[in-house]
Amino acid sequence: MGKWEGKSDLLPGTLDMLVLKTLTHGYLHGYAIAQLIQQLSEDVLQVEEGSLYPALQRLELNGLIEGEWGTSANNRRARFYKLTPDGRKQLNAEKERYRQLTGAIARVMGTALKEYKV
């Protein structure tokens, strides 16, 4: 199990989907989002700042999340994000797309394993 440092290692749009899903847990700043993704994935996914912050900016520009400046638990200035209604709709669409895609991949892998004994 390797460290994930960018979108190239996952299906396109996966980081955005993970960020949106993470924000269903509440109002979070970037570092907390990265930490929660890492914890929930049992340390398989480690989102680097170089991938996370551009994704947060993109999601905010697209109206899927809203950001607001505040103070973190360690008394530092941080931008906190929350999911918008459009973000929730996008997350539901992405979850369905992901379900279909992973199901299709599982079917192909299952067939390949049976036919070719890989």
Protein backbone atom coordinates (compact mmCIF):
# COMPACT_ATOMS: atom_id res chain seq x y z
CA MET A 1 0.00 0.00 0.00
CA GLY A 2 1.64 3.18 -1.16
CA LYS A 3 1.30 6.82 -0.42
CA TRP A 4 -1.04 8.75 -2.70
CA GLU A 5 0.44 12.06 -3.80
CA GLY A 6 -1.84 13.13 -6.60
CA LYS A 7 -4.86 12.56 -8.74
CA SER A 8 -2.87 10.56 -11.29
CA ASP A 9 -2.93 7.55 -8.94
CA LEU A 10 -6.72 7.58 -8.59
CA LEU A 11 -9.63 7.77 -10.95
CA PRO A 12 -10.23 11.28 -12.29
CA GLY A 13 -12.32 13.38 -9.91
CA THR A 14 -11.71 11.11 -6.94
CA LEU A 15 -9.95 13.75 -4.83
CA ASP A 16 -12.86 16.15 -5.33
CA MET A 17 -15.30 13.41 -4.32
CA LEU A 18 -13.25 12.58 -1.21
CA VAL A 19 -13.10 16.24 -0.18
CA LEU A 20 -16.86 16.66 -0.65
CA LYS A 21 -17.54 13.47 1.34
CA THR A 22 -15.18 14.57 4.11
CA LEU A 23 -17.03 17.88 4.42
CA THR A 24 -20.23 16.00 5.27
CA HIS A 25 -18.53 15.56 8.67
CA GLY A 26 -18.70 19.32 9.28
CA TYR A 27 -16.93 22.62 8.84
CA LEU A 28 -13.19 21.80 8.37
CA HIS A 29 -9.94 23.49 7.41
CA GLY A 30 -7.58 22.01 4.82
CA TYR A 31 -5.25 20.22 7.22
CA ALA A 32 -8.22 18.61 9.01
CA ILE A 33 -9.64 17.47 5.66
CA ALA A 34 -6.33 15.80 4.75
CA GLN A 35 -6.07 14.20 8.20
CA LEU A 36 -9.62 12.85 8.08
CA ILE A 37 -9.12 11.34 4.62
CA GLN A 38 -5.93 9.68 5.89
CA GLN A 39 -7.63 8.37 9.04
CA LEU A 40 -10.76 7.10 7.29
CA SER A 41 -8.63 5.34 4.65
CA GLU A 42 -6.53 3.71 7.39
CA ASP A 43 -3.42 5.56 6.15
CA VAL A 44 -3.71 4.34 2.55
CA LEU A 45 -4.57 7.81 1.20
CA GLN A 46 -2.27 10.66 2.19
CA VAL A 47 -3.32 13.83 0.42
CA GLU A 48 -0.45 16.25 -0.13
CA GLU A 49 -0.91 20.03 0.12
CA GLY A 50 0.08 20.38 -3.53
CA SER A 51 -3.01 18.38 -4.52
CA LEU A 52 -5.43 19.41 -1.76
CA TYR A 53 -5.32 23.20 -1.90
CA PRO A 54 -5.82 23.47 -5.68
CA ALA A 55 -8.77 21.06 -5.30
CA LEU A 56 -10.26 23.22 -2.53
CA GLN A 57 -9.88 26.33 -4.70
CA ARG A 58 -11.47 24.59 -7.69
CA LEU A 59 -14.39 23.29 -5.62
CA GLU A 60 -14.95 26.75 -4.13
CA LEU A 61 -14.81 28.46 -7.54
CA ASN A 62 -17.37 25.94 -8.81
CA GLY A 63 -19.71 26.72 -5.91
CA LEU A 64 -19.51 23.22 -4.42
CA ILE A 65 -17.96 24.37 -1.15
CA GLU A 66 -17.79 27.68 0.71
CA GLY A 67 -14.73 28.88 2.58
CA GLU A 68 -14.42 31.33 5.43
CA TRP A 69 -11.40 32.51 7.41
CA GLY A 70 -11.26 31.58 11.08
CA THR A 71 -8.92 30.43 13.83
CA SER A 72 -7.85 26.81 14.16
CA ALA A 73 -7.58 24.87 17.42
CA ASN A 74 -3.88 25.77 17.65
CA ASN A 75 -4.72 29.50 17.31
CA ARG A 76 -3.63 29.84 13.68
CA ARG A 77 -5.51 31.58 10.93
CA ALA A 78 -7.10 28.98 8.64
CA ARG A 79 -9.71 28.78 5.93
CA PHE A 80 -12.65 26.58 6.97
CA TYR A 81 -14.82 24.93 4.34
CA LYS A 82 -18.36 23.64 4.24
CA LEU A 83 -20.43 21.82 1.66
CA THR A 84 -22.99 23.84 -0.31
CA PRO A 85 -26.33 22.43 -1.53
CA ASP A 86 -24.79 22.18 -5.02
CA GLY A 87 -21.82 20.37 -3.48
CA ARG A 88 -24.13 17.84 -1.85
CA LYS A 89 -25.85 17.22 -5.23
CA GLN A 90 -22.46 16.81 -6.91
CA LEU A 91 -21.33 14.38 -4.20
CA ASN A 92 -24.42 12.22 -4.74
CA ALA A 93 -23.79 12.19 -8.51
CA GLU A 94 -20.11 11.34 -7.98
CA LYS A 95 -20.94 8.54 -5.54
CA GLU A 96 -23.24 6.96 -8.12
CA ARG A 97 -20.65 7.34 -10.90
CA TYR A 98 -18.00 5.82 -8.64
CA ARG A 99 -20.30 2.90 -7.71
CA GLN A 100 -20.94 2.15 -11.38
CA LEU A 101 -17.27 2.41 -12.31
CA THR A 102 -15.98 0.24 -9.47
CA GLY A 103 -18.71 -2.30 -10.16
CA ALA A 104 -17.67 -2.48 -13.80
CA ILE A 105 -14.01 -2.86 -12.87
CA ALA A 106 -14.88 -5.59 -10.35
CA ARG A 107 -16.84 -7.47 -13.03
CA VAL A 108 -13.93 -7.28 -15.47
CA MET A 109 -11.42 -8.35 -12.82
CA GLY A 110 -13.67 -11.20 -11.73
CA THR A 111 -14.01 -12.40 -15.31
CA ALA A 112 -10.28 -12.07 -15.92
CA LEU A 113 -9.52 -14.04 -12.79
CA LYS A 114 -11.92 -16.86 -13.74
CA GLU A 115 -10.99 -17.16 -17.40
CA TYR A 116 -7.25 -16.61 -17.21
CA LYS A 117 -6.57 -17.71 -13.64
CA VAL A 118 -4.55 -14.55 -12.98
